[in-house]
């Protein structure tokens, strides 16, 4: 599902990725760990096509996203990739449901179609009763579940999560972690998770350790 070959990335004189190679199968849950500054978030940004590598190649389900035009890359990112961040990034003026349907509307779904998909996800995620509430009216765990629904609404091939439980209490973190594996088991989603949470990291099918811009063998 995901292949990266000899990825490098510099910011000014600082080399943050120094030839990263990895291969991730469809339906696999992979965690990436390492100390701050190891290059984890930079790697996730490249894999998620938010930034381009200085050198090296990325393939997602057989597609090299950086060979696409800007318009086709935006379309590919919208339909094939989901993002979950440490802070939910929900728009405060919109309800949870309105936040969740945004990627589907961008894709071209009608509002009715988008809401039907979102409500099905809300039911699966256990937040149906909170659909019409704004983010400020939700608990941290509910906010993050709404963000998960937004990430999943277009049935992406890969979901990238950057410290997804870093802003949650221990109970909400545990529930979110289990949710990822339940989703994988039900829909065969592929998850790549950057985390400092050892419990989540150790639950993954594989744990990759980064140090000084490379993945250790």
Protein backbone atom coordinates (compact mmCIF):
# COMPACT_ATOMS: atom_id res chain seq x y z
CA UNK A 1 0.00 0.00 0.00
CA UNK A 2 2.80 2.42 0.89
CA UNK A 3 6.39 2.39 -0.29
CA UNK A 4 9.09 4.96 0.45
CA UNK A 5 12.58 4.75 -1.02
CA UNK A 6 15.60 6.76 0.11
CA UNK A 7 13.64 9.83 1.24
CA UNK A 8 15.71 12.87 2.15
CA UNK A 9 14.60 16.27 3.39
CA UNK A 10 16.49 19.39 4.47
CA UNK A 11 15.29 22.63 6.01
CA UNK A 12 18.05 25.12 5.33
CA UNK A 13 21.26 23.49 6.54
CA UNK A 14 19.40 21.06 8.81
CA UNK A 15 19.05 17.56 7.38
CA UNK A 16 15.98 15.99 9.01
CA UNK A 17 15.56 12.88 6.84
CA UNK A 18 18.66 11.06 5.66
CA UNK A 19 17.50 8.27 3.38
CA UNK A 20 14.35 6.71 4.82
CA UNK A 21 13.08 3.42 3.40
CA UNK A 22 9.89 1.66 4.43
CA UNK A 23 7.17 -0.57 3.06
CA UNK A 24 3.71 -0.91 4.61
CA UNK A 25 1.10 -3.45 3.58
CA UNK A 26 -2.61 -2.81 3.08
CA UNK A 27 -4.48 -3.18 6.36
CA UNK A 28 -1.34 -2.85 8.46
CA UNK A 29 -1.14 -0.64 11.55
CA UNK A 30 2.40 0.72 11.89
CA UNK A 31 3.65 2.99 14.67
CA UNK A 32 6.66 5.29 14.36
CA UNK A 33 8.47 6.24 17.56
CA UNK A 34 11.62 8.13 18.47
CA UNK A 35 12.81 11.11 20.44
CA UNK A 36 11.82 14.67 19.56
CA UNK A 37 13.77 15.83 16.51
CA UNK A 38 14.22 12.31 15.12
CA UNK A 39 12.25 13.23 11.97
CA UNK A 40 8.94 11.49 12.69
CA UNK A 41 6.58 14.35 11.85
CA UNK A 42 8.65 15.38 8.83
CA UNK A 43 8.39 11.81 7.52
CA UNK A 44 4.63 11.80 8.08
CA UNK A 45 4.27 15.08 6.18
CA UNK A 46 6.14 13.63 3.21
CA UNK A 47 4.22 10.35 3.24
CA UNK A 48 0.99 12.31 3.48
CA UNK A 49 2.03 14.42 0.44
CA UNK A 50 1.88 17.66 2.47
CA UNK A 51 5.51 18.30 1.55
CA UNK A 52 7.80 17.05 -1.21
CA UNK A 53 11.03 15.16 -0.47
CA UNK A 54 14.30 16.61 -1.69
CA UNK A 55 15.07 13.19 -3.15
CA UNK A 56 13.63 9.70 -3.11
CA UNK A 57 10.29 8.24 -4.14
CA UNK A 58 6.90 7.58 -2.55
CA UNK A 59 4.24 5.22 -3.86
CA UNK A 60 0.74 4.99 -2.41
CA UNK A 61 -1.27 2.09 -3.83
CA UNK A 62 0.95 2.15 -6.89
CA UNK A 63 0.68 5.92 -7.47
CA UNK A 64 3.60 8.34 -7.17
CA UNK A 65 1.68 11.39 -5.92
CA UNK A 66 4.46 13.82 -6.77
CA UNK A 67 4.17 12.98 -10.46
CA UNK A 68 0.60 14.30 -10.44
CA UNK A 69 -0.41 17.83 -11.36
CA UNK A 70 -1.32 20.12 -8.46
CA UNK A 71 -5.03 19.63 -9.16
CA UNK A 72 -4.76 15.85 -9.41
CA UNK A 73 -2.59 15.72 -6.28
CA UNK A 74 -5.23 17.64 -4.33
CA UNK A 75 -7.86 15.20 -5.59
CA UNK A 76 -5.69 12.22 -4.70
CA UNK A 77 -5.04 13.57 -1.21
CA UNK A 78 -8.75 14.18 -0.68
CA UNK A 79 -9.86 10.71 -1.74
CA UNK A 80 -6.93 8.45 -0.80
CA UNK A 81 -5.45 9.91 2.40
CA UNK A 82 -6.90 10.66 5.82
CA UNK A 83 -5.26 12.78 8.52
CA UNK A 84 -5.70 12.72 12.29
CA UNK A 85 -3.74 15.29 14.29
CA UNK A 86 -2.92 15.73 17.96
CA UNK A 87 -5.29 18.69 18.15
CA UNK A 88 -8.55 17.85 16.45
CA UNK A 89 -8.44 20.86 14.07
CA UNK A 90 -12.23 21.08 14.00
CA UNK A 91 -13.61 24.42 12.84
CA UNK A 92 -15.20 25.99 15.93
CA UNK A 93 -18.13 27.67 14.16
CA UNK A 94 -19.36 24.38 12.64
CA UNK A 95 -21.06 21.43 14.29
CA UNK A 96 -19.32 18.07 14.57
CA UNK A 97 -21.38 16.82 11.63
CA UNK A 98 -20.59 19.87 9.50
CA UNK A 99 -16.88 19.41 10.23
CA UNK A 100 -16.96 15.73 9.33
CA UNK A 101 -18.60 16.20 5.92
CA UNK A 102 -16.18 18.83 4.60
CA UNK A 103 -13.87 16.36 2.75
CA UNK A 104 -16.91 14.64 1.17
CA UNK A 105 -18.29 17.97 -0.05
CA UNK A 106 -14.88 18.82 -1.52
CA UNK A 107 -14.92 15.43 -3.25
CA UNK A 108 -18.24 16.32 -4.87
CA UNK A 109 -20.79 14.44 -2.76
CA UNK A 110 -24.13 16.11 -2.19
CA UNK A 111 -24.81 17.34 1.33
CA UNK A 112 -27.37 14.58 1.81
CA UNK A 113 -24.89 11.90 0.70
CA UNK A 114 -22.13 13.35 2.88
CA UNK A 115 -24.35 13.58 5.95
CA UNK A 116 -25.55 9.99 5.48
CA UNK A 117 -21.94 8.74 5.42
CA UNK A 118 -20.95 10.91 8.37
CA UNK A 119 -23.88 9.82 10.51
CA UNK A 120 -23.05 6.17 9.82
CA UNK A 121 -19.51 6.85 11.02
CA UNK A 122 -20.78 8.78 14.04
CA UNK A 123 -22.93 5.77 14.95
CA UNK A 124 -19.92 3.47 14.60
CA UNK A 125 -17.79 5.86 16.68
CA UNK A 126 -20.42 6.26 19.37
CA UNK A 127 -21.03 10.00 18.97
CA UNK A 128 -24.36 10.09 17.10
CA UNK A 129 -25.97 12.10 19.88
CA UNK A 130 -23.28 14.77 19.54
CA UNK A 131 -23.60 15.38 15.79
CA UNK A 132 -25.27 18.81 16.12
CA UNK A 133 -22.91 20.05 18.85
CA UNK A 134 -20.05 22.44 18.19
CA UNK A 135 -16.50 21.42 19.17
CA UNK A 136 -16.57 23.57 22.33
CA UNK A 137 -19.52 21.50 23.54
CA UNK A 138 -17.70 18.18 23.10
CA UNK A 139 -15.27 16.37 25.37
CA UNK A 140 -11.71 15.84 24.16
CA UNK A 141 -12.47 12.24 23.23
CA UNK A 142 -15.62 13.25 21.34
CA UNK A 143 -13.73 15.95 19.46
CA UNK A 144 -11.10 13.45 18.37
CA UNK A 145 -13.76 10.93 17.30
CA UNK A 146 -15.37 13.62 15.15
CA UNK A 147 -11.93 14.24 13.64
CA UNK A 148 -11.61 10.49 12.98
CA UNK A 149 -14.96 10.54 11.18
CA UNK A 150 -13.72 13.43 9.04
CA UNK A 151 -10.56 11.46 8.20
CA UNK A 152 -12.56 8.37 7.23
CA UNK A 153 -15.48 9.88 5.34
CA UNK A 154 -13.98 9.39 1.86
CA UNK A 155 -12.81 5.82 2.66
CA UNK A 156 -9.11 6.66 2.24
CA UNK A 157 -6.51 4.03 1.49
CA UNK A 158 -4.14 5.26 4.23
CA UNK A 159 -4.73 7.19 7.45
CA UNK A 160 -1.82 9.17 8.89
CA UNK A 161 -2.07 10.04 12.59
CA UNK A 162 0.35 12.42 14.33
CA UNK A 163 0.22 12.03 18.13
CA UNK A 164 -3.53 11.28 17.90
CA UNK A 165 -3.96 10.70 21.65
CA UNK A 166 -1.42 13.28 22.81
CA UNK A 167 -4.14 15.69 23.95
CA UNK A 168 -6.42 13.11 25.61
CA UNK A 169 -6.78 11.68 29.10
CA UNK A 170 -5.81 8.06 29.66
CA UNK A 171 -9.35 6.65 29.30
CA UNK A 172 -10.05 8.53 26.07
CA UNK A 173 -6.60 7.55 24.76
CA UNK A 174 -7.26 3.87 25.41
CA UNK A 175 -10.63 4.07 23.67
CA UNK A 176 -9.15 5.87 20.66
CA UNK A 177 -6.32 3.36 20.36
CA UNK A 178 -8.73 0.44 20.33
CA UNK A 179 -10.87 2.27 17.79
CA UNK A 180 -8.03 2.31 15.27
CA UNK A 181 -7.73 -1.47 15.41
CA UNK A 182 -11.49 -1.99 15.26
CA UNK A 183 -11.61 0.19 12.14
CA UNK A 184 -8.76 -1.73 10.56
CA UNK A 185 -10.43 -5.04 11.29
CA UNK A 186 -13.77 -3.85 9.86
CA UNK A 187 -12.61 -1.83 6.84
CA UNK A 188 -8.99 -2.92 6.25
CA UNK A 189 -7.74 0.65 6.62
CA UNK A 190 -3.97 1.15 6.71
CA UNK A 191 -2.75 3.28 9.64
CA UNK A 192 0.62 5.01 10.05
CA UNK A 193 0.81 6.49 13.55
CA UNK A 194 3.51 8.76 14.97
CA UNK A 195 3.29 8.59 18.75
CA UNK A 196 5.13 8.97 22.04
CA UNK A 197 2.53 6.72 23.67
CA UNK A 198 4.29 3.41 24.27
CA UNK A 199 1.01 1.56 24.81
CA UNK A 200 -0.28 2.57 21.39
CA UNK A 201 3.11 2.01 19.76
CA UNK A 202 3.31 -1.52 21.13
CA UNK A 203 -0.24 -2.38 20.03
CA UNK A 204 0.72 -1.85 16.38
CA UNK A 205 1.50 -4.67 13.99
CA UNK A 206 4.98 -3.16 13.66
CA UNK A 207 6.84 -0.49 15.58
CA UNK A 208 9.46 1.49 13.65
CA UNK A 209 12.08 3.45 15.58
CA UNK A 210 13.49 6.66 14.12
CA UNK A 211 16.75 8.24 15.18
CA UNK A 212 18.67 11.11 13.58
CA UNK A 213 16.59 11.09 10.39
CA UNK A 214 16.63 7.37 9.61
CA UNK A 215 14.60 4.30 10.56
CA UNK A 216 16.70 1.90 12.60
CA UNK A 217 16.76 -1.74 11.52
